[in-house]
Amino acid sequence: MEKRYNVFNQIHKGLRGMMYDVAIAIQRTDFTSGGAGATMAQLQRVLELFDDHAEHEDKYLLMHILKHDQKLTEEFERDHVIDHKLAAELNEHIAAWKNAGNAEDKLLAGNRIFYAYNEFVAFNLYHMNKEEEVLLYTLWKHYTDEEIIGMQMQIIQSIAPETLMEENMWMMRSLNNPEVIGWLQAVKHTAPASAFDGLLQMAEQILPANRFSSIKTAVQLNPEVV
């Protein structure tokens, strides 16, 4: 079977990694302590990035599905509405925690954040799976890999540089070695040398030394795009 391009794999792994990291942080947080503010900031950033991600999919991917399957497009748009509602509920709980006047109220708000975030995680895991099991195959049916990569490039070009750097960091942390190697090789062949050097430096800073050494060797020995 011909291997096709999975436009969702890299960003979804990065978003899952970020989402899991915050889930652990929430579980460990004492919501009555001053340190809980850092967890709240992490949580709000996850909500912002997921909201941006849904907006990008609506604007740059679903518009292409609409031409071929209106019902499927509307189904995924409804999912994005649900996701937005779950995020709005979390933001309300965060506001309640910030405005709580005593430890008991902060603990109560924190408990609500914990369960609401679990709902958010569960829904988004289901939603991302559905995108990769249903939406992706519809894209493959009607578009070439080159056309799909073009859609992805439109998304990348619409993202602020600092946000793109943040997303790259989480993707680097969340991908396996062959995926990181393929990513580096693709950037090396399609982007300015400075972009490749920056990504390689990020890999060195983020990944364990043994992983980075294997990846760097593979990129140097096998420079072709995989």
N, C-alpha and C. Protein backbone atom coordinates (compact mmCIF):
# COMPACT_ATOMS: atom_id res chain seq x y z
N MET A 1 0.84 -1.20 0.00
CA MET A 1 0.00 0.00 0.00
C MET A 1 0.88 1.26 0.00
N GLU A 2 0.51 2.21 -0.82
CA GLU A 2 1.27 3.46 -0.90
C GLU A 2 1.20 4.22 0.42
N LYS A 3 2.35 4.69 0.89
CA LYS A 3 2.40 5.48 2.11
C LYS A 3 1.99 6.91 1.80
N ARG A 4 0.97 7.39 2.51
CA ARG A 4 0.48 8.74 2.29
C ARG A 4 0.91 9.66 3.43
N TYR A 5 0.82 10.96 3.18
CA TYR A 5 1.27 11.95 4.15
C TYR A 5 0.19 12.20 5.20
N ASN A 6 0.56 12.04 6.47
CA ASN A 6 -0.36 12.28 7.59
C ASN A 6 -0.15 13.70 8.10
N VAL A 7 -1.01 14.60 7.67
CA VAL A 7 -0.87 16.02 8.01
C VAL A 7 -1.11 16.27 9.50
N PHE A 8 -1.78 15.33 10.18
CA PHE A 8 -2.13 15.53 11.59
C PHE A 8 -1.08 14.97 12.55
N ASN A 9 -0.30 13.99 12.12
CA ASN A 9 0.52 13.23 13.06
C ASN A 9 1.42 14.10 13.93
N GLN A 10 2.17 14.98 13.31
CA GLN A 10 3.19 15.73 14.06
C GLN A 10 2.56 16.70 15.05
N ILE A 11 1.63 17.51 14.60
CA ILE A 11 1.02 18.50 15.49
C ILE A 11 0.17 17.83 16.55
N HIS A 12 -0.52 16.75 16.19
CA HIS A 12 -1.34 16.07 17.19
C HIS A 12 -0.47 15.45 18.29
N LYS A 13 0.68 14.88 17.92
CA LYS A 13 1.57 14.33 18.95
C LYS A 13 2.08 15.44 19.87
N GLY A 14 2.39 16.59 19.30
CA GLY A 14 2.83 17.71 20.11
C GLY A 14 1.75 18.20 21.06
N LEU A 15 0.52 18.31 20.56
CA LEU A 15 -0.59 18.76 21.39
C LEU A 15 -0.91 17.74 22.48
N ARG A 16 -0.85 16.45 22.13
CA ARG A 16 -1.08 15.43 23.16
C ARG A 16 -0.01 15.51 24.24
N GLY A 17 1.25 15.68 23.83
CA GLY A 17 2.33 15.77 24.80
C GLY A 17 2.12 16.92 25.76
N MET A 18 1.73 18.07 25.24
CA MET A 18 1.47 19.24 26.07
C MET A 18 0.29 18.99 27.00
N MET A 19 -0.76 18.36 26.44
CA MET A 19 -1.97 18.09 27.21
C MET A 19 -1.68 17.11 28.36
N TYR A 20 -0.90 16.06 28.08
CA TYR A 20 -0.53 15.10 29.12
C TYR A 20 0.31 15.76 30.21
N ASP A 21 1.24 16.61 29.80
CA ASP A 21 2.12 17.28 30.76
C ASP A 21 1.31 18.12 31.74
N VAL A 22 0.33 18.83 31.23
CA VAL A 22 -0.52 19.66 32.09
C VAL A 22 -1.42 18.79 32.97
N ALA A 23 -1.87 17.65 32.44
CA ALA A 23 -2.70 16.75 33.25
C ALA A 23 -1.94 16.28 34.49
N ILE A 24 -0.67 15.93 34.31
CA ILE A 24 0.16 15.52 35.45
C ILE A 24 0.35 16.69 36.41
N ALA A 25 0.59 17.88 35.86
CA ALA A 25 0.79 19.07 36.71
C ALA A 25 -0.45 19.34 37.56
N ILE A 26 -1.64 19.22 36.96
CA ILE A 26 -2.88 19.46 37.70
C ILE A 26 -3.03 18.44 38.83
N GLN A 27 -2.73 17.17 38.54
CA GLN A 27 -2.86 16.13 39.56
C GLN A 27 -1.94 16.38 40.75
N ARG A 28 -0.80 17.00 40.50
CA ARG A 28 0.19 17.22 41.56
C ARG A 28 0.00 18.55 42.28
N THR A 29 -0.87 19.39 41.79
CA THR A 29 -0.98 20.76 42.30
C THR A 29 -1.78 20.84 43.59
N ASP A 30 -1.22 21.54 44.55
CA ASP A 30 -1.96 21.95 45.75
C ASP A 30 -2.59 23.29 45.43
N PHE A 31 -3.90 23.28 45.21
CA PHE A 31 -4.58 24.49 44.75
C PHE A 31 -4.70 25.56 45.83
N THR A 32 -4.28 25.25 47.05
CA THR A 32 -4.29 26.27 48.10
C THR A 32 -2.94 26.96 48.23
N SER A 33 -1.95 26.53 47.44
CA SER A 33 -0.60 27.11 47.54
C SER A 33 -0.37 28.17 46.48
N GLY A 34 0.64 28.99 46.72
CA GLY A 34 0.99 30.03 45.75
C GLY A 34 1.50 29.47 44.45
N GLY A 35 2.08 28.27 44.48
CA GLY A 35 2.61 27.67 43.28
C GLY A 35 1.56 27.21 42.29
N ALA A 36 0.30 27.20 42.69
CA ALA A 36 -0.77 26.75 41.79
C ALA A 36 -0.94 27.69 40.60
N GLY A 37 -0.50 28.93 40.75
CA GLY A 37 -0.64 29.90 39.66
C GLY A 37 0.11 29.47 38.41
N ALA A 38 1.25 28.81 38.58
CA ALA A 38 2.02 28.35 37.42
C ALA A 38 1.25 27.28 36.66
N THR A 39 0.56 26.40 37.38
CA THR A 39 -0.25 25.37 36.73
C THR A 39 -1.41 26.00 35.97
N MET A 40 -2.01 27.03 36.56
CA MET A 40 -3.12 27.71 35.88
C MET A 40 -2.64 28.35 34.58
N ALA A 41 -1.44 28.91 34.60
CA ALA A 41 -0.90 29.53 33.39
C ALA A 41 -0.65 28.48 32.32
N GLN A 42 -0.12 27.31 32.72
CA GLN A 42 0.09 26.22 31.78
C GLN A 42 -1.23 25.77 31.17
N LEU A 43 -2.23 25.63 32.01
CA LEU A 43 -3.54 25.18 31.55
C LEU A 43 -4.14 26.16 30.56
N GLN A 44 -4.08 27.44 30.89
CA GLN A 44 -4.64 28.45 29.98
C GLN A 44 -3.92 28.44 28.63
N ARG A 45 -2.62 28.16 28.65
CA ARG A 45 -1.88 28.11 27.38
C ARG A 45 -2.33 26.92 26.54
N VAL A 46 -2.58 25.77 27.17
CA VAL A 46 -3.11 24.62 26.44
C VAL A 46 -4.43 24.98 25.77
N LEU A 47 -5.31 25.63 26.51
CA LEU A 47 -6.62 26.00 25.97
C LEU A 47 -6.47 26.94 24.79
N GLU A 48 -5.54 27.88 24.88
CA GLU A 48 -5.31 28.81 23.77
C GLU A 48 -4.81 28.08 22.53
N LEU A 49 -3.86 27.18 22.70
CA LEU A 49 -3.28 26.48 21.55
C LEU A 49 -4.29 25.53 20.90
N PHE A 50 -5.11 24.88 21.70
CA PHE A 50 -6.14 24.00 21.13
C PHE A 50 -7.19 24.81 20.39
N ASP A 51 -7.53 25.98 20.91
CA ASP A 51 -8.49 26.84 20.23
C ASP A 51 -7.93 27.31 18.89
N ASP A 52 -6.66 27.70 18.88
CA ASP A 52 -5.99 28.10 17.63
C ASP A 52 -5.95 26.95 16.64
N HIS A 53 -5.66 25.75 17.15
CA HIS A 53 -5.56 24.57 16.29
C HIS A 53 -6.90 24.29 15.60
N ALA A 54 -7.98 24.37 16.36
CA ALA A 54 -9.31 24.13 15.78
C ALA A 54 -9.63 25.18 14.72
N GLU A 55 -9.27 26.42 15.00
CA GLU A 55 -9.51 27.51 14.03
C GLU A 55 -8.73 27.26 12.74
N HIS A 56 -7.50 26.82 12.86
CA HIS A 56 -6.68 26.53 11.67
C HIS A 56 -7.28 25.39 10.85
N GLU A 57 -7.76 24.36 11.54
CA GLU A 57 -8.38 23.24 10.83
C GLU A 57 -9.64 23.68 10.10
N ASP A 58 -10.45 24.49 10.76
CA ASP A 58 -11.67 24.99 10.12
C ASP A 58 -11.33 25.79 8.86
N LYS A 59 -10.33 26.64 8.97
CA LYS A 59 -10.03 27.58 7.90
C LYS A 59 -9.25 26.96 6.75
N TYR A 60 -8.32 26.05 7.07
CA TYR A 60 -7.40 25.59 6.03
C TYR A 60 -7.59 24.13 5.62
N LEU A 61 -8.33 23.33 6.40
CA LEU A 61 -8.54 21.93 6.03
C LEU A 61 -10.01 21.62 5.75
N LEU A 62 -10.89 22.00 6.68
CA LEU A 62 -12.30 21.64 6.51
C LEU A 62 -12.91 22.31 5.29
N MET A 63 -12.42 23.47 4.92
CA MET A 63 -12.95 24.14 3.73
C MET A 63 -12.74 23.28 2.48
N HIS A 64 -11.69 22.47 2.48
CA HIS A 64 -11.44 21.58 1.34
C HIS A 64 -12.30 20.32 1.41
N ILE A 65 -12.62 19.88 2.62
CA ILE A 65 -13.52 18.73 2.79
C ILE A 65 -14.94 19.11 2.40
N LEU A 66 -15.32 20.35 2.69
CA LEU A 66 -16.68 20.82 2.41
C LEU A 66 -17.06 20.63 0.95
N LYS A 67 -16.10 20.76 0.06
CA LYS A 67 -16.37 20.62 -1.37
C LYS A 67 -16.82 19.20 -1.73
N HIS A 68 -16.46 18.23 -0.87
CA HIS A 68 -16.70 16.83 -1.20
C HIS A 68 -17.65 16.13 -0.22
N ASP A 69 -17.73 16.62 1.02
CA ASP A 69 -18.56 15.95 2.02
C ASP A 69 -19.05 16.98 3.04
N GLN A 70 -20.19 17.56 2.78
CA GLN A 70 -20.72 18.61 3.66
C GLN A 70 -21.09 18.05 5.03
N LYS A 71 -21.66 16.85 5.05
CA LYS A 71 -22.09 16.24 6.31
C LYS A 71 -20.90 16.01 7.24
N LEU A 72 -19.81 15.49 6.69
CA LEU A 72 -18.61 15.25 7.49
C LEU A 72 -18.02 16.56 8.00
N THR A 73 -18.01 17.56 7.15
CA THR A 73 -17.50 18.88 7.56
C THR A 73 -18.30 19.42 8.73
N GLU A 74 -19.61 19.34 8.65
CA GLU A 74 -20.47 19.85 9.72
C GLU A 74 -20.26 19.06 11.01
N GLU A 75 -20.01 17.76 10.88
CA GLU A 75 -19.75 16.93 12.07
C GLU A 75 -18.50 17.40 12.80
N PHE A 76 -17.44 17.68 12.06
CA PHE A 76 -16.21 18.14 12.70
C PHE A 76 -16.33 19.57 13.20
N GLU A 77 -17.10 20.38 12.54
CA GLU A 77 -17.35 21.73 13.04
C GLU A 77 -18.10 21.68 14.37
N ARG A 78 -19.04 20.74 14.49
CA ARG A 78 -19.77 20.57 15.76
C ARG A 78 -18.81 20.12 16.87
N ASP A 79 -17.89 19.24 16.52
CA ASP A 79 -16.88 18.82 17.50
C ASP A 79 -16.07 20.01 18.00
N HIS A 80 -15.73 20.91 17.10
CA HIS A 80 -14.96 22.09 17.50
C HIS A 80 -15.78 23.01 18.40
N VAL A 81 -17.08 23.06 18.19
CA VAL A 81 -17.96 23.84 19.07
C VAL A 81 -17.97 23.22 20.47
N ILE A 82 -18.06 21.89 20.54
CA ILE A 82 -18.01 21.20 21.83
C ILE A 82 -16.69 21.48 22.54
N ASP A 83 -15.61 21.40 21.80
CA ASP A 83 -14.29 21.66 22.36
C ASP A 83 -14.19 23.07 22.92
N HIS A 84 -14.74 24.02 22.18
CA HIS A 84 -14.74 25.41 22.63
C HIS A 84 -15.55 25.56 23.93
N LYS A 85 -16.67 24.84 24.02
CA LYS A 85 -17.50 24.89 25.22
C LYS A 85 -16.75 24.31 26.42
N LEU A 86 -16.07 23.20 26.23
CA LEU A 86 -15.29 22.59 27.31
C LEU A 86 -14.19 23.54 27.79
N ALA A 87 -13.55 24.23 26.84
CA ALA A 87 -12.51 25.19 27.20
C ALA A 87 -13.10 26.38 27.95
N ALA A 88 -14.28 26.83 27.53
CA ALA A 88 -14.93 27.96 28.20
C ALA A 88 -15.28 27.60 29.65
N GLU A 89 -15.73 26.37 29.87
CA GLU A 89 -16.04 25.92 31.23
C GLU A 89 -14.78 25.90 32.09
N LEU A 90 -13.69 25.44 31.51
CA LEU A 90 -12.42 25.44 32.25
C LEU A 90 -11.98 26.86 32.61
N ASN A 91 -12.14 27.77 31.68
CA ASN A 91 -11.77 29.16 31.95
C ASN A 91 -12.63 29.75 33.07
N GLU A 92 -13.88 29.35 33.14
CA GLU A 92 -14.75 29.80 34.23
C GLU A 92 -14.25 29.27 35.57
N HIS A 93 -13.84 28.00 35.59
CA HIS A 93 -13.31 27.42 36.83
C HIS A 93 -11.99 28.07 37.23
N ILE A 94 -11.16 28.39 36.24
CA ILE A 94 -9.90 29.08 36.53
C ILE A 94 -10.18 30.45 37.15
N ALA A 95 -11.16 31.17 36.58
CA ALA A 95 -11.53 32.48 37.13
C ALA A 95 -12.04 32.34 38.56
N ALA A 96 -12.83 31.28 38.82
CA ALA A 96 -13.34 31.05 40.17
C ALA A 96 -12.19 30.78 41.14
N TRP A 97 -11.20 30.03 40.69
CA TRP A 97 -10.03 29.77 41.54
C TRP A 97 -9.28 31.07 41.84
N LYS A 98 -9.09 31.90 40.83
CA LYS A 98 -8.37 33.15 41.03
C LYS A 98 -9.11 34.09 41.99
N ASN A 99 -10.44 34.04 41.94
CA ASN A 99 -11.25 34.96 42.74
C ASN A 99 -11.62 34.39 44.11
N ALA A 100 -11.25 33.14 44.37
CA ALA A 100 -11.59 32.52 45.64
C ALA A 100 -10.92 33.25 46.80
N GLY A 101 -11.70 33.48 47.87
CA GLY A 101 -11.18 34.27 48.98
C GLY A 101 -10.57 33.47 50.10
N ASN A 102 -10.69 32.15 50.05
CA ASN A 102 -10.13 31.33 51.12
C ASN A 102 -9.68 29.98 50.56
N ALA A 103 -8.95 29.23 51.38
CA ALA A 103 -8.36 27.97 50.93
C ALA A 103 -9.43 26.96 50.54
N GLU A 104 -10.53 26.93 51.28
CA GLU A 104 -11.60 25.97 50.98
C GLU A 104 -12.18 26.20 49.58
N ASP A 105 -12.43 27.46 49.25
CA ASP A 105 -12.98 27.78 47.93
C ASP A 105 -11.96 27.51 46.82
N LYS A 106 -10.69 27.77 47.10
CA LYS A 106 -9.66 27.47 46.10
C LYS A 106 -9.58 25.96 45.84
N LEU A 107 -9.67 25.18 46.91
CA LEU A 107 -9.63 23.73 46.77
C LEU A 107 -10.83 23.22 45.97
N LEU A 108 -11.99 23.80 46.23
CA LEU A 108 -13.21 23.41 45.51
C LEU A 108 -13.08 23.74 44.02
N ALA A 109 -12.59 24.94 43.72
CA ALA A 109 -12.40 25.34 42.32
C ALA A 109 -11.35 24.45 41.65
N GLY A 110 -10.29 24.13 42.38
CA GLY A 110 -9.25 23.26 41.84
C GLY A 110 -9.78 21.88 41.52
N ASN A 111 -10.65 21.37 42.37
CA ASN A 111 -11.25 20.06 42.13
C ASN A 111 -12.11 20.08 40.86
N ARG A 112 -12.82 21.17 40.66
CA ARG A 112 -13.64 21.31 39.45
C ARG A 112 -12.75 21.41 38.21
N ILE A 113 -11.63 22.10 38.34
CA ILE A 113 -10.67 22.19 37.23
C ILE A 113 -10.16 20.80 36.87
N PHE A 114 -9.83 20.02 37.89
CA PHE A 114 -9.30 18.66 37.67
C PHE A 114 -10.26 17.82 36.83
N TYR A 115 -11.53 17.78 37.24
CA TYR A 115 -12.49 16.94 36.52
C TYR A 115 -12.86 17.52 35.16
N ALA A 116 -12.95 18.84 35.08
CA ALA A 116 -13.27 19.47 33.79
C ALA A 116 -12.13 19.26 32.79
N TYR A 117 -10.90 19.30 33.28
CA TYR A 117 -9.77 19.08 32.37
C TYR A 117 -9.73 17.62 31.90
N ASN A 118 -10.09 16.69 32.78
CA ASN A 118 -10.18 15.30 32.35
C ASN A 118 -11.17 15.14 31.21
N GLU A 119 -12.30 15.84 31.30
CA GLU A 119 -13.29 15.81 30.22
C GLU A 119 -12.70 16.40 28.93
N PHE A 120 -11.97 17.49 29.07
CA PHE A 120 -11.34 18.15 27.93
C PHE A 120 -10.33 17.21 27.26
N VAL A 121 -9.51 16.56 28.07
CA VAL A 121 -8.51 15.63 27.53
C VAL A 121 -9.19 14.47 26.82
N ALA A 122 -10.18 13.87 27.47
CA ALA A 122 -10.87 12.71 26.89
C ALA A 122 -11.51 13.06 25.56
N PHE A 123 -12.17 14.21 25.50
CA PHE A 123 -12.83 14.60 24.25
C PHE A 123 -11.81 14.85 23.15
N ASN A 124 -10.73 15.54 23.48
CA ASN A 124 -9.75 15.87 22.44
C ASN A 124 -8.98 14.65 21.95
N LEU A 125 -8.73 13.68 22.83
CA LEU A 125 -8.11 12.44 22.37
C LEU A 125 -9.03 11.72 21.38
N TYR A 126 -10.31 11.66 21.72
CA TYR A 126 -11.30 11.05 20.82
C TYR A 126 -11.37 11.82 19.50
N HIS A 127 -11.40 13.15 19.60
CA HIS A 127 -11.54 13.99 18.41
C HIS A 127 -10.32 13.87 17.49
N MET A 128 -9.13 13.88 18.07
CA MET A 128 -7.93 13.78 17.24
C MET A 128 -7.83 12.40 16.58
N ASN A 129 -8.22 11.36 17.32
CA ASN A 129 -8.26 10.02 16.70
C ASN A 129 -9.21 10.01 15.51
N LYS A 130 -10.36 10.62 15.68
CA LYS A 130 -11.35 10.64 14.59
C LYS A 130 -10.83 11.40 13.39
N GLU A 131 -10.09 12.47 13.64
CA GLU A 131 -9.51 13.21 12.53
C GLU A 131 -8.52 12.35 11.75
N GLU A 132 -7.73 11.55 12.48
CA GLU A 132 -6.73 10.72 11.80
C GLU A 132 -7.31 9.44 11.23
N GLU A 133 -8.49 9.05 11.68
CA GLU A 133 -9.11 7.82 11.18
C GLU A 133 -10.19 8.08 10.13
N VAL A 134 -10.75 9.28 10.12
CA VAL A 134 -11.85 9.59 9.20
C VAL A 134 -11.50 10.76 8.28
N LEU A 135 -11.17 11.90 8.88
CA LEU A 135 -10.93 13.10 8.09
C LEU A 135 -9.71 12.94 7.18
N LEU A 136 -8.68 12.33 7.70
CA LEU A 136 -7.45 12.16 6.93
C LEU A 136 -7.70 11.35 5.66
N TYR A 137 -8.50 10.28 5.78
CA TYR A 137 -8.76 9.43 4.61
C TYR A 137 -9.59 10.16 3.56
N THR A 138 -10.42 11.08 4.01
CA THR A 138 -11.19 11.88 3.05
C THR A 138 -10.26 12.83 2.30
N LEU A 139 -9.30 13.40 3.01
CA LEU A 139 -8.29 14.24 2.34
C LEU A 139 -7.51 13.42 1.33
N TRP A 140 -7.09 12.22 1.73
CA TRP A 140 -6.34 11.36 0.82
C TRP A 140 -7.14 10.99 -0.43
N LYS A 141 -8.43 10.81 -0.24
CA LYS A 141 -9.29 10.40 -1.35
C LYS A 141 -9.36 11.47 -2.43
N HIS A 142 -9.33 12.73 -2.03
CA HIS A 142 -9.60 13.82 -2.97
C HIS A 142 -8.38 14.68 -3.28
N TYR A 143 -7.29 14.54 -2.52
CA TYR A 143 -6.14 15.42 -2.72
C TYR A 143 -4.84 14.63 -2.72
N THR A 144 -3.86 15.14 -3.48
CA THR A 144 -2.53 14.55 -3.48
C THR A 144 -1.78 14.97 -2.22
N ASP A 145 -0.69 14.26 -1.94
CA ASP A 145 0.14 14.65 -0.79
C ASP A 145 0.68 16.06 -0.96
N GLU A 146 1.04 16.43 -2.17
CA GLU A 146 1.56 17.77 -2.43
C GLU A 146 0.51 18.83 -2.11
N GLU A 147 -0.74 18.56 -2.45
CA GLU A 147 -1.82 19.51 -2.15
C GLU A 147 -2.06 19.59 -0.65
N ILE A 148 -2.00 18.46 0.03
CA ILE A 148 -2.20 18.45 1.49
C ILE A 148 -1.07 19.19 2.19
N ILE A 149 0.16 18.98 1.74
CA ILE A 149 1.30 19.71 2.31
C ILE A 149 1.14 21.21 2.07
N GLY A 150 0.57 21.58 0.93
CA GLY A 150 0.30 22.99 0.66
C GLY A 150 -0.68 23.57 1.66
N MET A 151 -1.70 22.80 2.03
CA MET A 151 -2.65 23.25 3.06
C MET A 151 -1.93 23.44 4.39
N GLN A 152 -1.05 22.49 4.71
CA GLN A 152 -0.29 22.58 5.95
C GLN A 152 0.61 23.81 5.97
N MET A 153 1.22 24.12 4.85
CA MET A 153 2.09 25.29 4.78
C MET A 153 1.31 26.57 5.01
N GLN A 154 0.06 26.62 4.54
CA GLN A 154 -0.79 27.79 4.81
C GLN A 154 -1.01 27.96 6.30
N ILE A 155 -1.22 26.83 7.00
CA ILE A 155 -1.40 26.89 8.45
C ILE A 155 -0.13 27.41 9.11
N ILE A 156 1.01 26.83 8.75
CA ILE A 156 2.28 27.22 9.36
C ILE A 156 2.56 28.71 9.15
N GLN A 157 2.28 29.20 7.95
CA GLN A 157 2.54 30.61 7.64
C GLN A 157 1.61 31.55 8.40
N SER A 158 0.49 31.02 8.90
CA SER A 158 -0.47 31.87 9.62
C SER A 158 -0.16 31.94 11.12
N ILE A 159 0.79 31.14 11.59
CA ILE A 159 1.10 31.06 13.02
C ILE A 159 2.22 32.03 13.37
N ALA A 160 2.05 32.75 14.47
CA ALA A 160 3.08 33.68 14.94
C ALA A 160 4.37 32.92 15.23
N PRO A 161 5.55 33.52 14.92
CA PRO A 161 6.83 32.82 15.10
C PRO A 161 7.04 32.26 16.50
N GLU A 162 6.66 33.02 17.54
CA GLU A 162 6.87 32.54 18.90
C GLU A 162 5.98 31.34 19.22
N THR A 163 4.76 31.33 18.66
CA THR A 163 3.87 30.19 18.86
C THR A 163 4.38 28.98 18.10
N LEU A 164 4.87 29.21 16.90
CA LEU A 164 5.43 28.11 16.11
C LEU A 164 6.62 27.48 16.83
N MET A 165 7.45 28.31 17.45
CA MET A 165 8.59 27.80 18.21
C MET A 165 8.12 26.94 19.38
N GLU A 166 7.07 27.39 20.04
CA GLU A 166 6.52 26.63 21.17
C GLU A 166 5.96 25.29 20.71
N GLU A 167 5.23 25.30 19.60
CA GLU A 167 4.68 24.06 19.06
C GLU A 167 5.79 23.11 18.61
N ASN A 168 6.83 23.66 17.99
CA ASN A 168 7.97 22.84 17.58
C ASN A 168 8.62 22.15 18.78
N MET A 169 8.70 22.87 19.89
CA MET A 169 9.30 22.32 21.10
C MET A 169 8.51 21.10 21.58
N TRP A 170 7.18 21.24 21.59
CA TRP A 170 6.35 20.12 22.06
C TRP A 170 6.35 18.97 21.07
N MET A 171 6.40 19.26 19.80
CA MET A 171 6.50 18.18 18.82
C MET A 171 7.82 17.45 18.96
N MET A 172 8.90 18.19 19.16
CA MET A 172 10.21 17.57 19.33
C MET A 172 10.21 16.64 20.54
N ARG A 173 9.56 17.04 21.61
CA ARG A 173 9.50 16.22 22.81
C ARG A 173 8.63 14.97 22.62
N SER A 174 7.69 15.04 21.69
CA SER A 174 6.63 14.03 21.62
C SER A 174 6.77 13.04 20.48
N LEU A 175 7.66 13.29 19.53
CA LEU A 175 7.83 12.41 18.38
C LEU A 175 8.86 11.32 18.68
N ASN A 176 8.75 10.20 17.95
CA ASN A 176 9.77 9.15 18.08
C ASN A 176 10.97 9.48 17.18
N ASN A 177 12.03 8.71 17.31
CA ASN A 177 13.26 9.01 16.57
C ASN A 177 13.08 9.06 15.05
N PRO A 178 12.45 8.05 14.42
CA PRO A 178 12.27 8.13 12.97
C PRO A 178 11.49 9.37 12.53
N GLU A 179 10.52 9.77 13.35
CA GLU A 179 9.73 10.96 13.00
C GLU A 179 10.57 12.23 13.10
N VAL A 180 11.40 12.32 14.13
CA VAL A 180 12.28 13.49 14.27
C VAL A 180 13.28 13.53 13.13
N ILE A 181 13.83 12.37 12.77
CA ILE A 181 14.79 12.30 11.66
C ILE A 181 14.14 12.77 10.37
N GLY A 182 12.94 12.26 10.08
CA GLY A 182 12.24 12.67 8.87
C GLY A 182 11.93 14.15 8.85
N TRP A 183 11.56 14.70 10.00
CA TRP A 183 11.27 16.13 10.13
C TRP A 183 12.53 16.95 9.83
N LEU A 184 13.64 16.59 10.46
CA LEU A 184 14.89 17.32 10.24
C LEU A 184 15.34 17.24 8.78
N GLN A 185 15.21 16.07 8.19
CA GLN A 185 15.61 15.91 6.79
C GLN A 185 14.74 16.77 5.87
N ALA A 186 13.44 16.81 6.15
CA ALA A 186 12.54 17.61 5.32
C ALA A 186 12.88 19.09 5.43
N VAL A 187 13.15 19.56 6.65
CA VAL A 187 13.50 20.97 6.86
C VAL A 187 14.83 21.28 6.18
N LYS A 188 15.77 20.35 6.27
CA LYS A 188 17.09 20.55 5.66
C LYS A 188 16.98 20.74 4.15
N HIS A 189 16.04 20.06 3.53
CA HIS A 189 15.91 20.10 2.07
C HIS A 189 14.96 21.19 1.57
N THR A 190 14.11 21.72 2.44
CA THR A 190 13.07 22.65 1.96
C THR A 190 13.11 24.03 2.59
N ALA A 191 13.92 24.22 3.62
CA ALA A 191 13.94 25.50 4.34
C ALA A 191 15.35 26.06 4.37
N PRO A 192 15.49 27.34 4.72
CA PRO A 192 16.83 27.93 4.84
C PRO A 192 17.68 27.18 5.86
N ALA A 193 18.99 27.25 5.68
CA ALA A 193 19.91 26.55 6.58
C ALA A 193 19.72 26.97 8.03
N SER A 194 19.37 28.24 8.24
CA SER A 194 19.17 28.73 9.60
C SER A 194 18.01 28.02 10.30
N ALA A 195 16.97 27.67 9.53
CA ALA A 195 15.83 26.96 10.10
C ALA A 195 16.24 25.56 10.53
N PHE A 196 17.00 24.88 9.69
CA PHE A 196 17.49 23.54 10.04
C PHE A 196 18.41 23.60 11.25
N ASP A 197 19.34 24.55 11.26
CA ASP A 197 20.28 24.67 12.38
C ASP A 197 19.54 24.94 13.68
N GLY A 198 18.51 25.79 13.62
CA GLY A 198 17.73 26.10 14.82
C GLY A 198 16.98 24.89 15.34
N LEU A 199 16.42 24.11 14.42
CA LEU A 199 15.68 22.91 14.82
C LEU A 199 16.62 21.86 15.39
N LEU A 200 17.79 21.72 14.79
CA LEU A 200 18.78 20.76 15.29
C LEU A 200 19.25 21.17 16.68
N GLN A 201 19.44 22.47 16.88
CA GLN A 201 19.85 22.96 18.20
C GLN A 201 18.76 22.70 19.23
N MET A 202 17.50 22.89 18.83
CA MET A 202 16.39 22.60 19.73
C MET A 202 16.39 21.13 20.13
N ALA A 203 16.62 20.25 19.15
CA ALA A 203 16.67 18.81 19.43
C ALA A 203 17.76 18.50 20.45
N GLU A 204 18.91 19.13 20.29
CA GLU A 204 20.02 18.89 21.22
C GLU A 204 19.68 19.34 22.63
N GLN A 205 18.95 20.45 22.74
CA GLN A 205 18.60 21.00 24.05
C GLN A 205 17.50 20.20 24.74
N ILE A 206 16.58 19.66 23.95
CA ILE A 206 15.39 19.02 24.51
C ILE A 206 15.55 17.53 24.73
N LEU A 207 16.16 16.84 23.78
CA LEU A 207 16.20 15.38 23.81
C LEU A 207 17.34 14.86 24.67
N PRO A 208 17.18 13.67 25.26
CA PRO A 208 18.30 13.04 25.97
C PRO A 208 19.49 12.87 25.03
N ALA A 209 20.69 12.89 25.59
CA ALA A 209 21.91 12.88 24.78
C ALA A 209 22.00 11.67 23.86
N ASN A 210 21.58 10.50 24.35
CA ASN A 210 21.69 9.30 23.52
C ASN A 210 20.73 9.35 22.34
N ARG A 211 19.53 9.91 22.55
CA ARG A 211 18.58 10.06 21.45
C ARG A 211 19.09 11.06 20.42
N PHE A 212 19.58 12.19 20.91
CA PHE A 212 20.05 13.22 19.98
C PHE A 212 21.22 12.70 19.15
N SER A 213 22.12 11.97 19.78
CA SER A 213 23.28 11.44 19.06
C SER A 213 22.84 10.51 17.92
N SER A 214 21.89 9.64 18.20
CA SER A 214 21.39 8.71 17.18
C SER A 214 20.71 9.46 16.04
N ILE A 215 19.92 10.47 16.40
CA ILE A 215 19.19 11.25 15.40
C ILE A 215 20.15 12.04 14.52
N LYS A 216 21.12 12.70 15.14
CA LYS A 216 22.08 13.50 14.38
C LYS A 216 22.88 12.63 13.42
N THR A 217 23.28 11.46 13.89
CA THR A 217 24.04 10.53 13.03
C THR A 217 23.20 10.08 11.85
N ALA A 218 21.94 9.76 12.10
CA ALA A 218 21.05 9.30 11.03
C ALA A 218 20.84 10.39 9.99
N VAL A 219 20.67 11.62 10.43
CA VAL A 219 20.47 12.73 9.49
C VAL A 219 21.72 12.96 8.65
N GLN A 220 22.88 12.84 9.26
CA GLN A 220 24.15 13.05 8.54
C GLN A 220 24.46 11.92 7.57
N LEU A 221 24.15 10.68 7.97
CA LEU A 221 24.47 9.52 7.13
C LEU A 221 23.44 9.28 6.04
N ASN A 222 22.21 9.69 6.31
CA ASN A 222 21.12 9.48 5.35
C ASN A 222 20.43 10.80 5.07
N PRO A 223 21.02 11.66 4.30
CA PRO A 223 20.50 13.01 4.10
C PRO A 223 19.22 13.09 3.29
N GLU A 224 18.82 11.98 2.64
CA GLU A 224 17.62 12.05 1.81
C GLU A 224 16.38 12.20 2.68
N VAL A 225 15.34 12.79 2.11
CA VAL A 225 14.08 12.94 2.81
C VAL A 225 13.40 11.59 2.85
N VAL A 226 12.90 11.20 4.04
CA VAL A 226 12.21 9.91 4.18
C VAL A 226 10.73 10.13 4.33
